[in-house]
């Protein structure tokens, strides 16, 4: 509840200063609704209840807050790049802390959705600002939407939920994409940024295909 109220007050204040920020308030309302309706998932993988969301989930929620902020910062290269760099750091940290014992079912389900929303928003914003070509933005969008479609396909093909241990982690490819998106905001590093985005997207596709093959093999 504290997270929902704090984020709501922050975006409400920003909406007063900048009318374009009002959609950020709407986004946060959706995030808060999802969070409050899934509080039963704030438990460890062994089913043990947690007293609070914990640091890994808090870091993931900070990236959720950043989704509309990234859109608002298109056209302000240094702020756009700084926010994406900070998001990349939180992505690495929440994964590390979760594996160290702070993982919850909520975090496991929320992490990819938040990363998808943030990265696709950033890619579309970067293309709209002229920092990178639109075709590269659509590749990024496909790379992040692909796992969601893939999970659904595996579920319907095998009639069971895909096993988490069969999945190849995509944090490194995702980090490359975020770093690349930060670099394309600067003329001198635009080419290197585009290369990192393309590499991260391709590695993400490889991880997805490998995960799908392993999931089907385990299901058999």
Protein backbone atom coordinates (compact mmCIF):
# COMPACT_ATOMS: atom_id res chain seq x y z
CA UNK A 1 0.00 0.00 0.00
CA UNK A 2 2.85 2.41 0.83
CA UNK A 3 4.35 1.87 -2.63
CA UNK A 4 1.01 2.55 -4.33
CA UNK A 5 0.32 5.73 -2.37
CA UNK A 6 3.87 7.09 -2.69
CA UNK A 7 3.98 6.51 -6.43
CA UNK A 8 0.50 7.97 -6.87
CA UNK A 9 1.39 11.14 -4.96
CA UNK A 10 4.62 11.51 -6.92
CA UNK A 11 2.92 11.21 -10.30
CA UNK A 12 0.06 13.45 -9.19
CA UNK A 13 2.60 16.12 -8.26
CA UNK A 14 4.40 15.72 -11.58
CA UNK A 15 1.07 16.01 -13.41
CA UNK A 16 0.51 19.41 -11.82
CA UNK A 17 3.93 20.57 -13.03
CA UNK A 18 3.62 18.95 -16.44
CA UNK A 19 0.15 18.05 -17.85
CA UNK A 20 1.77 15.46 -20.13
CA UNK A 21 2.69 13.46 -17.01
CA UNK A 22 -0.95 12.64 -16.29
CA UNK A 23 -0.70 9.40 -18.24
CA UNK A 24 2.05 8.38 -15.83
CA UNK A 25 -0.53 8.63 -13.05
CA UNK A 26 -2.81 6.34 -15.04
CA UNK A 27 0.04 3.88 -15.58
CA UNK A 28 0.83 3.85 -11.88
CA UNK A 29 -2.84 3.19 -11.10
CA UNK A 30 -2.66 0.08 -13.29
CA UNK A 31 0.57 -1.05 -11.64
CA UNK A 32 -0.91 -0.48 -8.18
CA UNK A 33 -4.05 -2.41 -9.09
CA UNK A 34 -1.93 -5.34 -10.28
CA UNK A 35 0.20 -5.20 -7.15
CA UNK A 36 -2.71 -5.05 -4.69
CA UNK A 37 -4.57 -7.86 -6.44
CA UNK A 38 -1.52 -10.15 -6.30
CA UNK A 39 -0.35 -9.63 -2.72
CA UNK A 40 -1.02 -13.31 -2.10
CA UNK A 41 1.99 -14.02 -4.30
CA UNK A 42 4.36 -12.26 -1.89
CA UNK A 43 5.75 -15.58 -0.73
CA UNK A 44 8.87 -17.62 -1.26
CA UNK A 45 9.07 -20.50 -3.69
CA UNK A 46 8.48 -22.84 -0.74
CA UNK A 47 5.15 -21.12 0.00
CA UNK A 48 6.40 -19.21 3.05
CA UNK A 49 4.77 -15.80 3.52
CA UNK A 50 6.89 -12.65 3.45
CA UNK A 51 6.24 -9.74 5.80
CA UNK A 52 6.87 -7.15 3.08
CA UNK A 53 7.67 -6.86 -0.61
CA UNK A 54 11.42 -7.00 -0.01
CA UNK A 55 14.28 -5.24 -1.74
CA UNK A 56 14.20 -7.19 -5.05
CA UNK A 57 10.52 -6.39 -5.60
CA UNK A 58 11.11 -2.77 -4.59
CA UNK A 59 13.82 -2.46 -7.24
CA UNK A 60 11.52 -4.01 -9.85
CA UNK A 61 8.77 -1.54 -8.92
CA UNK A 62 11.21 1.34 -9.31
CA UNK A 63 11.58 0.30 -12.97
CA UNK A 64 7.79 0.19 -13.28
CA UNK A 65 7.68 3.80 -12.06
CA UNK A 66 10.29 4.69 -14.68
CA UNK A 67 8.21 3.53 -17.68
CA UNK A 68 6.26 6.79 -18.17
CA UNK A 69 9.28 8.80 -16.99
CA UNK A 70 11.32 7.45 -19.91
CA UNK A 71 8.62 8.60 -22.35
CA UNK A 72 8.57 12.08 -20.81
CA UNK A 73 12.35 12.39 -21.09
CA UNK A 74 12.51 11.75 -24.84
CA UNK A 75 14.27 14.80 -26.22
CA UNK A 76 16.42 15.22 -23.10
CA UNK A 77 19.31 12.88 -23.99
CA UNK A 78 21.33 13.04 -20.77
CA UNK A 79 18.29 12.45 -18.53
CA UNK A 80 16.96 9.68 -20.79
CA UNK A 81 20.33 7.92 -20.78
CA UNK A 82 20.82 8.34 -17.02
CA UNK A 83 17.42 6.85 -16.23
CA UNK A 84 18.05 3.84 -18.48
CA UNK A 85 21.48 3.29 -16.92
CA UNK A 86 19.92 3.36 -13.45
CA UNK A 87 17.24 0.91 -14.61
CA UNK A 88 19.91 -1.46 -15.90
CA UNK A 89 21.63 -1.36 -12.49
CA UNK A 90 18.39 -2.16 -10.65
CA UNK A 91 17.75 -5.04 -13.06
CA UNK A 92 21.11 -6.59 -12.21
CA UNK A 93 20.69 -5.97 -8.48
CA UNK A 94 17.18 -7.35 -8.11
CA UNK A 95 18.18 -10.54 -9.91
CA UNK A 96 21.24 -10.97 -7.70
CA UNK A 97 19.30 -10.33 -4.48
CA UNK A 98 16.46 -12.61 -5.56
CA UNK A 99 18.83 -15.49 -6.22
CA UNK A 100 20.45 -14.83 -2.83
CA UNK A 101 17.18 -15.69 -1.13
CA UNK A 102 14.82 -12.80 -1.67
CA UNK A 103 12.83 -14.23 -4.59
CA UNK A 104 9.04 -14.21 -4.36
CA UNK A 105 6.42 -15.58 -6.74
CA UNK A 106 5.26 -12.02 -7.33
CA UNK A 107 8.74 -10.89 -8.32
CA UNK A 108 9.27 -13.84 -10.63
CA UNK A 109 6.10 -12.97 -12.55
CA UNK A 110 6.46 -9.19 -12.40
CA UNK A 111 10.09 -8.79 -13.48
CA UNK A 112 9.77 -9.64 -17.17
CA UNK A 113 6.55 -7.65 -17.60
CA UNK A 114 8.15 -4.52 -16.16
CA UNK A 115 11.31 -4.95 -18.25
CA UNK A 116 9.17 -5.42 -21.36
CA UNK A 117 7.16 -2.25 -20.77
CA UNK A 118 10.25 -0.18 -19.94
CA UNK A 119 12.44 -1.34 -22.82
CA UNK A 120 9.76 -1.17 -25.52
CA UNK A 121 8.78 2.33 -24.35
CA UNK A 122 12.43 3.41 -24.42
CA UNK A 123 13.01 1.91 -27.87
CA UNK A 124 9.95 3.60 -29.38
CA UNK A 125 10.95 6.88 -27.71
CA UNK A 126 14.50 6.65 -29.05
CA UNK A 127 13.20 5.99 -32.57
CA UNK A 128 10.69 8.86 -32.30
CA UNK A 129 13.53 11.18 -31.24
CA UNK A 130 15.56 10.15 -34.29
CA UNK A 131 18.28 8.51 -32.22
CA UNK A 132 17.91 5.15 -33.95
CA UNK A 133 15.97 3.68 -36.91
CA UNK A 134 12.41 2.43 -36.44
CA UNK A 135 13.27 -1.06 -37.70
CA UNK A 136 15.63 -1.49 -34.76
CA UNK A 137 12.89 -0.40 -32.35
CA UNK A 138 10.56 -3.05 -33.78
CA UNK A 139 13.27 -5.69 -33.36
CA UNK A 140 13.54 -4.74 -29.68
CA UNK A 141 9.76 -4.89 -29.32
CA UNK A 142 9.69 -8.36 -30.90
CA UNK A 143 12.53 -9.55 -28.66
CA UNK A 144 10.57 -8.63 -25.52
CA UNK A 145 7.11 -9.61 -26.72
CA UNK A 146 8.49 -12.94 -28.00
CA UNK A 147 8.88 -14.61 -24.58
CA UNK A 148 5.28 -13.78 -23.66
CA UNK A 149 4.02 -15.29 -26.91
CA UNK A 150 6.44 -18.20 -26.48
CA UNK A 151 5.23 -18.96 -22.95
CA UNK A 152 1.65 -19.02 -24.16
CA UNK A 153 2.57 -21.31 -27.06
CA UNK A 154 4.45 -23.72 -24.79
CA UNK A 155 1.56 -23.76 -22.33
CA UNK A 156 -1.02 -24.64 -25.00
CA UNK A 157 1.30 -27.13 -26.71
CA UNK A 158 2.12 -29.06 -23.53
CA UNK A 159 -1.00 -28.30 -21.44
CA UNK A 160 1.21 -27.35 -18.51
CA UNK A 161 3.06 -24.35 -17.17
CA UNK A 162 6.65 -24.15 -18.51
CA UNK A 163 9.24 -25.18 -15.94
CA UNK A 164 11.30 -22.21 -14.76
CA UNK A 165 14.49 -24.25 -14.56
CA UNK A 166 14.25 -24.91 -18.30
CA UNK A 167 14.61 -21.24 -19.13
CA UNK A 168 17.84 -19.55 -20.10
CA UNK A 169 18.26 -16.25 -18.25
CA UNK A 170 18.12 -13.18 -20.49
CA UNK A 171 19.51 -10.53 -18.14
CA UNK A 172 22.75 -10.04 -20.06
CA UNK A 173 20.99 -9.54 -23.42
CA UNK A 174 18.50 -7.24 -21.71
CA UNK A 175 21.31 -5.25 -20.14
CA UNK A 176 22.98 -4.86 -23.52
CA UNK A 177 19.76 -3.47 -24.99
CA UNK A 178 19.34 -0.93 -22.17
CA UNK A 179 22.98 0.14 -22.41
CA UNK A 180 22.65 0.49 -26.16
CA UNK A 181 19.53 2.61 -25.79
CA UNK A 182 21.45 4.91 -23.46
CA UNK A 183 24.37 5.20 -25.89
CA UNK A 184 22.26 6.04 -28.97
CA UNK A 185 21.32 9.37 -27.36
CA UNK A 186 24.87 10.66 -28.01
CA UNK A 187 26.08 11.29 -31.56
CA UNK A 188 29.59 9.98 -30.86
CA UNK A 189 28.36 6.65 -29.46
CA UNK A 190 25.23 6.15 -31.61
CA UNK A 191 26.75 3.47 -33.84
CA UNK A 192 28.08 1.50 -30.85
CA UNK A 193 24.70 1.82 -29.13
CA UNK A 194 22.87 0.47 -32.16
CA UNK A 195 25.27 -2.47 -32.34
CA UNK A 196 24.66 -3.29 -28.66
CA UNK A 197 20.90 -3.10 -29.14
CA UNK A 198 21.04 -5.45 -32.12
CA UNK A 199 23.37 -7.86 -30.29
CA UNK A 200 21.18 -7.88 -27.17
CA UNK A 201 18.05 -8.46 -29.23
CA UNK A 202 19.61 -11.34 -31.16
CA UNK A 203 21.00 -12.97 -28.01
CA UNK A 204 17.55 -12.63 -26.47
CA UNK A 205 16.04 -14.50 -29.42
CA UNK A 206 18.65 -17.26 -29.02
CA UNK A 207 17.81 -17.53 -25.30
CA UNK A 208 14.09 -17.72 -26.12
CA UNK A 209 14.51 -20.47 -28.72
CA UNK A 210 16.81 -22.44 -26.41
CA UNK A 211 14.36 -22.08 -23.53
CA UNK A 212 11.45 -23.25 -25.69
CA UNK A 213 13.37 -26.31 -26.87
CA UNK A 214 14.42 -27.22 -23.32
CA UNK A 215 10.88 -26.75 -21.99
CA UNK A 216 9.38 -29.06 -24.61
CA UNK A 217 12.12 -31.63 -24.00
CA UNK A 218 11.57 -31.57 -20.22
CA UNK A 219 7.79 -31.85 -20.70
CA UNK A 220 8.29 -35.08 -22.61
